[in-house]
């Protein structure tokens, strides 16, 4: 048992130490930082007349580097389909994607020479920033949410939690049969309602103010509060089942909220990436057409 515990701690420690952000001793952070420093230093040292702009030789150089980086980093979506190890493992590729993606803020902005306006060129730059910011949000979510998901599930899958909820509903249905009509009707509120309805906002916030199970429990406790506690009271058993259902609903709603937070950024990041590619194409075509 001691050996197994030690091994478990060691594995967990290695996992935390060599996640995609810290992969290979922050190799890609160092590479991206060095790239940014070279770009900033060259921008300050090279004299472009009359001033830095995307149409100068230096601007074209940075623009080419930026476009090649964007195309390479976009390939991560396809790369995710192949789980391999080694120098170009998924972890290494993701680490490069994050840090080199951040470096594009410096490369892209220096490429513009800070000459921004209402045109397709600035649109491409703005979409690049949007993709990067949404990616940063995704990184923040992946840094903490998977562990929170695991803790919340307590070794249960989503399917198992739903099965447990359905089992409680069956027990509630049977336990409510001996109750008077008014009390049984309160239980039926809980059985009839979809406890996860309300759309994306409810799922993201985890706030369900019209929960029928909570209303049923509050209504039944008006009766149980004025009655002696007997071990075989059907009303007490129903109240206990509603308590269990509330706990399972809280766990499932938290699970769905964490899953939504883990995925919502992709609904911005992926479409913005395709929009960026389209804007880049228009940007490049227009530059060479007028050039």
Protein backbone atom coordinates (compact mmCIF):
# COMPACT_ATOMS: atom_id res chain seq x y z
CA UNK A 1 0.00 0.00 0.00
CA UNK A 2 2.82 2.42 0.86
CA UNK A 3 4.57 1.70 -2.46
CA UNK A 4 1.35 2.24 -4.39
CA UNK A 5 0.68 5.53 -2.59
CA UNK A 6 4.23 6.70 -3.26
CA UNK A 7 3.93 5.78 -6.92
CA UNK A 8 0.59 7.60 -7.15
CA UNK A 9 2.06 10.75 -5.63
CA UNK A 10 5.05 10.53 -7.97
CA UNK A 11 2.85 10.11 -11.05
CA UNK A 12 0.61 12.99 -10.00
CA UNK A 13 3.64 15.14 -9.32
CA UNK A 14 5.11 14.37 -12.74
CA UNK A 15 1.78 15.16 -14.37
CA UNK A 16 1.62 18.55 -12.70
CA UNK A 17 5.29 19.22 -13.42
CA UNK A 18 5.18 18.32 -17.11
CA UNK A 19 1.84 19.63 -18.26
CA UNK A 20 1.63 21.28 -21.67
CA UNK A 21 2.42 24.70 -20.16
CA UNK A 22 5.58 23.49 -18.41
CA UNK A 23 6.54 20.93 -21.06
CA UNK A 24 10.29 20.25 -21.31
CA UNK A 25 11.18 22.92 -18.77
CA UNK A 26 9.18 25.69 -20.47
CA UNK A 27 11.04 25.08 -23.75
CA UNK A 28 8.45 26.78 -25.94
CA UNK A 29 8.01 29.71 -23.56
CA UNK A 30 11.74 30.34 -23.85
CA UNK A 31 11.66 30.03 -27.65
CA UNK A 32 8.64 32.36 -27.93
CA UNK A 33 10.22 34.89 -25.55
CA UNK A 34 13.47 34.87 -27.53
CA UNK A 35 11.53 35.35 -30.76
CA UNK A 36 9.63 38.32 -29.29
CA UNK A 37 12.85 39.92 -28.01
CA UNK A 38 14.49 39.57 -31.44
CA UNK A 39 11.46 41.13 -33.14
CA UNK A 40 11.27 44.04 -30.67
CA UNK A 41 15.03 44.67 -30.84
CA UNK A 42 15.08 44.61 -34.64
CA UNK A 43 12.04 46.89 -34.78
CA UNK A 44 13.85 49.45 -32.65
CA UNK A 45 17.21 49.13 -34.42
CA UNK A 46 16.13 49.05 -38.09
CA UNK A 47 15.37 52.45 -39.56
CA UNK A 48 12.46 52.40 -42.02
CA UNK A 49 11.74 55.58 -43.97
CA UNK A 50 9.45 57.38 -43.35
CA UNK A 51 8.30 55.00 -40.59
CA UNK A 52 7.57 51.35 -39.89
CA UNK A 53 4.62 49.95 -41.82
CA UNK A 54 3.35 46.67 -43.20
CA UNK A 55 4.41 47.60 -46.74
CA UNK A 56 8.14 47.93 -46.00
CA UNK A 57 10.61 45.10 -46.52
CA UNK A 58 10.72 44.67 -42.75
CA UNK A 59 6.92 44.64 -42.58
CA UNK A 60 6.77 41.99 -45.31
CA UNK A 61 9.32 39.89 -43.42
CA UNK A 62 7.32 39.98 -40.18
CA UNK A 63 4.08 39.44 -42.11
CA UNK A 64 5.48 36.30 -43.76
CA UNK A 65 6.68 34.95 -40.41
CA UNK A 66 3.28 35.70 -38.88
CA UNK A 67 1.29 34.02 -41.66
CA UNK A 68 3.48 30.91 -41.60
CA UNK A 69 3.09 30.73 -37.81
CA UNK A 70 -0.69 31.09 -38.04
CA UNK A 71 -0.96 28.30 -40.64
CA UNK A 72 1.32 26.04 -38.61
CA UNK A 73 -0.53 26.65 -35.35
CA UNK A 74 -3.91 26.13 -37.02
CA UNK A 75 -2.76 22.61 -37.86
CA UNK A 76 -3.09 21.71 -34.15
CA UNK A 77 -6.77 20.98 -34.77
CA UNK A 78 -5.76 18.20 -37.14
CA UNK A 79 -2.82 17.17 -34.98
CA UNK A 80 -5.17 16.40 -32.05
CA UNK A 81 -6.41 13.37 -33.96
CA UNK A 82 -3.03 11.64 -33.55
CA UNK A 83 -1.96 10.88 -29.98
CA UNK A 84 1.78 10.18 -30.07
CA UNK A 85 4.81 10.60 -27.84
CA UNK A 86 8.27 11.95 -28.43
CA UNK A 87 9.57 15.30 -29.65
CA UNK A 88 6.31 16.16 -31.44
CA UNK A 89 3.88 14.64 -29.00
CA UNK A 90 0.49 16.25 -28.58
CA UNK A 91 1.77 17.84 -25.37
CA UNK A 92 4.76 19.39 -27.14
CA UNK A 93 2.60 20.61 -30.01
CA UNK A 94 0.07 22.16 -27.63
CA UNK A 95 2.84 23.89 -25.68
CA UNK A 96 4.21 25.34 -28.91
CA UNK A 97 0.70 26.35 -29.97
CA UNK A 98 0.13 28.32 -26.76
CA UNK A 99 3.44 30.16 -26.51
CA UNK A 100 4.07 30.81 -30.20
CA UNK A 101 0.44 31.88 -30.47
CA UNK A 102 1.08 34.50 -27.79
CA UNK A 103 4.18 35.68 -29.64
CA UNK A 104 1.95 36.56 -32.60
CA UNK A 105 0.68 39.58 -30.66
CA UNK A 106 4.19 41.06 -30.86
CA UNK A 107 4.93 39.86 -34.41
CA UNK A 108 1.56 40.94 -35.82
CA UNK A 109 1.57 44.33 -34.12
CA UNK A 110 5.15 45.09 -35.18
CA UNK A 111 4.21 44.03 -38.72
CA UNK A 112 1.55 46.76 -38.80
CA UNK A 113 3.98 49.38 -37.55
CA UNK A 114 1.10 50.49 -35.34
CA UNK A 115 -0.63 51.74 -38.49
CA UNK A 116 -4.19 50.61 -37.77
CA UNK A 117 -7.37 51.84 -39.42
CA UNK A 118 -10.78 50.81 -40.73
CA UNK A 119 -9.66 48.32 -43.38
CA UNK A 120 -9.23 44.63 -44.07
CA UNK A 121 -5.64 44.74 -42.80
CA UNK A 122 -6.70 45.91 -39.35
CA UNK A 123 -9.57 43.40 -39.45
CA UNK A 124 -7.03 40.59 -39.85
CA UNK A 125 -5.02 41.95 -36.91
CA UNK A 126 -8.15 42.30 -34.72
CA UNK A 127 -9.28 38.75 -35.53
CA UNK A 128 -5.79 37.48 -34.67
CA UNK A 129 -6.04 39.19 -31.27
CA UNK A 130 -9.52 37.72 -30.74
CA UNK A 131 -8.23 34.22 -31.51
CA UNK A 132 -5.32 34.68 -29.10
CA UNK A 133 -7.48 36.09 -26.28
CA UNK A 134 -10.05 33.29 -26.64
CA UNK A 135 -7.18 30.79 -26.61
CA UNK A 136 -5.85 32.33 -23.39
CA UNK A 137 -9.28 31.86 -21.83
CA UNK A 138 -9.22 28.22 -22.97
CA UNK A 139 -5.79 27.68 -21.42
CA UNK A 140 -7.05 29.14 -18.13
CA UNK A 141 -10.01 26.75 -18.22
CA UNK A 142 -7.85 23.71 -18.95
CA UNK A 143 -5.47 24.64 -16.15
CA UNK A 144 -8.04 24.11 -13.40
CA UNK A 145 -11.33 22.67 -14.63
CA UNK A 146 -10.30 19.05 -15.39
CA UNK A 147 -9.22 18.58 -11.76
CA UNK A 148 -12.46 20.19 -10.53
CA UNK A 149 -14.45 17.91 -12.85
CA UNK A 150 -12.70 14.85 -11.48
CA UNK A 151 -13.26 15.90 -7.86
CA UNK A 152 -16.93 16.63 -8.49
CA UNK A 153 -17.60 13.31 -10.26
CA UNK A 154 -16.11 11.29 -7.39
CA UNK A 155 -15.19 8.44 -9.76
CA UNK A 156 -18.65 8.46 -11.38
CA UNK A 157 -19.21 9.04 -15.08
CA UNK A 158 -21.87 11.43 -16.33
CA UNK A 159 -23.94 8.43 -17.41
CA UNK A 160 -23.70 6.87 -13.97
CA UNK A 161 -24.80 10.11 -12.32
CA UNK A 162 -27.81 10.30 -14.63
CA UNK A 163 -28.64 6.64 -13.88
CA UNK A 164 -28.47 7.40 -10.15
CA UNK A 165 -30.82 10.35 -10.64
CA UNK A 166 -33.32 8.20 -12.55
CA UNK A 167 -33.13 5.55 -9.81
CA UNK A 168 -34.00 8.19 -7.19
CA UNK A 169 -36.95 9.32 -9.33
CA UNK A 170 -38.28 5.76 -9.46
CA UNK A 171 -37.99 5.48 -5.69
CA UNK A 172 -39.72 8.84 -5.29
CA UNK A 173 -42.58 7.72 -7.51
CA UNK A 174 -43.12 4.58 -5.46
CA UNK A 175 -42.66 6.30 -2.09
CA UNK A 176 -45.23 8.98 -2.97
CA UNK A 177 -48.05 6.48 -3.63
CA UNK A 178 -49.32 6.33 0.01
CA UNK A 179 -49.33 10.14 0.33
CA UNK A 180 -52.49 12.27 0.13
CA UNK A 181 -53.20 13.86 -3.24
CA UNK A 182 -51.84 17.32 -2.35
CA UNK A 183 -48.54 15.94 -1.09
CA UNK A 184 -48.18 13.46 -3.97
CA UNK A 185 -48.78 16.32 -6.39
CA UNK A 186 -45.85 18.22 -4.88
CA UNK A 187 -43.61 15.20 -5.53
CA UNK A 188 -44.93 15.04 -9.09
CA UNK A 189 -43.59 18.56 -9.69
CA UNK A 190 -40.10 17.18 -9.23
CA UNK A 191 -40.74 14.12 -11.40
CA UNK A 192 -42.25 16.09 -14.30
CA UNK A 193 -39.68 18.86 -14.66
CA UNK A 194 -36.54 18.63 -16.77
CA UNK A 195 -34.05 19.64 -14.06
CA UNK A 196 -31.48 20.87 -16.60
CA UNK A 197 -33.72 23.07 -18.76
CA UNK A 198 -33.03 26.76 -19.20
CA UNK A 199 -30.42 26.96 -21.95
CA UNK A 200 -26.74 27.80 -22.04
CA UNK A 201 -26.89 30.66 -19.51
CA UNK A 202 -28.38 28.43 -16.81
CA UNK A 203 -25.77 25.79 -17.55
CA UNK A 204 -22.89 28.26 -17.36
CA UNK A 205 -24.08 29.88 -14.13
CA UNK A 206 -25.43 26.72 -12.46
CA UNK A 207 -28.37 28.81 -11.26
CA UNK A 208 -31.81 27.13 -11.49
CA UNK A 209 -34.21 29.38 -9.50
CA UNK A 210 -37.36 27.50 -10.60
CA UNK A 211 -36.13 24.06 -9.55
CA UNK A 212 -39.24 21.92 -8.98
CA UNK A 213 -37.37 19.58 -6.65
CA UNK A 214 -36.50 22.46 -4.32
CA UNK A 215 -40.11 23.68 -4.42
CA UNK A 216 -41.43 20.18 -3.69
CA UNK A 217 -39.06 19.75 -0.76
CA UNK A 218 -40.05 23.13 0.69
CA UNK A 219 -43.75 22.28 0.35
CA UNK A 220 -43.42 18.84 1.95
CA UNK A 221 -41.42 20.22 4.86
CA UNK A 222 -44.38 22.35 5.77
CA UNK A 223 -46.11 19.09 6.62
CA UNK A 224 -43.14 17.17 8.07
CA UNK A 225 -42.28 20.08 10.37
CA UNK A 226 -45.57 19.79 12.23
CA UNK A 227 -45.54 16.00 12.58
CA UNK A 228 -43.64 13.70 14.95
CA UNK A 229 -40.62 11.95 13.46
CA UNK A 230 -41.47 8.26 13.09
CA UNK A 231 -39.20 5.86 11.34
CA UNK A 232 -41.85 4.49 8.99
CA UNK A 233 -43.53 7.76 7.99
CA UNK A 234 -43.89 7.84 4.14
CA UNK A 235 -43.57 11.60 4.18
CA UNK A 236 -40.23 11.39 5.96
CA UNK A 237 -39.00 8.86 3.40
CA UNK A 238 -40.05 11.09 0.51
CA UNK A 239 -38.30 14.04 2.14
CA UNK A 240 -35.10 12.00 2.47
CA UNK A 241 -35.30 10.99 -1.20
CA UNK A 242 -35.81 14.60 -2.25
CA UNK A 243 -32.73 15.50 -0.20
CA UNK A 244 -30.74 12.85 -2.08
CA UNK A 245 -32.08 14.10 -5.40
CA UNK A 246 -31.11 17.66 -4.55
CA UNK A 247 -27.57 16.54 -3.81
CA UNK A 248 -27.33 14.57 -7.08
CA UNK A 249 -28.80 17.48 -9.04
CA UNK A 250 -26.23 19.83 -7.51
CA UNK A 251 -23.43 17.47 -8.55
CA UNK A 252 -24.78 17.05 -12.09
CA UNK A 253 -25.39 20.76 -12.55
CA UNK A 254 -21.88 21.54 -11.41
CA UNK A 255 -20.57 18.88 -13.78
CA UNK A 256 -22.48 20.40 -16.71
CA UNK A 257 -21.35 23.92 -15.75
CA UNK A 258 -17.70 22.88 -15.67
CA UNK A 259 -18.07 21.06 -18.99
CA UNK A 260 -19.69 24.15 -20.52
CA UNK A 261 -16.88 26.39 -19.26
CA UNK A 262 -14.36 23.93 -20.67
CA UNK A 263 -15.98 24.02 -24.11
CA UNK A 264 -17.57 27.47 -24.50
CA UNK A 265 -14.34 29.19 -25.57
CA UNK A 266 -14.13 26.92 -28.61
CA UNK A 267 -17.36 28.46 -29.94
CA UNK A 268 -15.39 31.71 -30.25
CA UNK A 269 -11.89 30.37 -30.93
CA UNK A 270 -12.67 28.04 -33.85
CA UNK A 271 -14.99 30.35 -35.88
CA UNK A 272 -12.64 33.28 -35.22
CA UNK A 273 -9.73 31.17 -36.53
CA UNK A 274 -11.54 30.51 -39.83
CA UNK A 275 -12.53 34.18 -40.04
CA UNK A 276 -8.87 35.09 -39.46
CA UNK A 277 -7.75 32.81 -42.30
CA UNK A 278 -10.31 34.43 -44.61
CA UNK A 279 -9.24 37.94 -43.57
CA UNK A 280 -5.57 37.03 -44.00
CA UNK A 281 -6.28 35.79 -47.51
CA UNK A 282 -8.05 39.07 -48.35
CA UNK A 283 -5.21 41.00 -46.72
CA UNK A 284 -2.50 39.21 -48.73
CA UNK A 285 -4.39 39.35 -52.03
CA UNK A 286 -5.13 43.06 -51.64
CA UNK A 287 -1.53 43.84 -50.73
CA UNK A 288 -0.08 42.06 -53.75
CA UNK A 289 -2.81 43.33 -56.06
CA UNK A 290 -2.08 46.98 -55.20
CA UNK A 291 1.66 46.31 -54.84
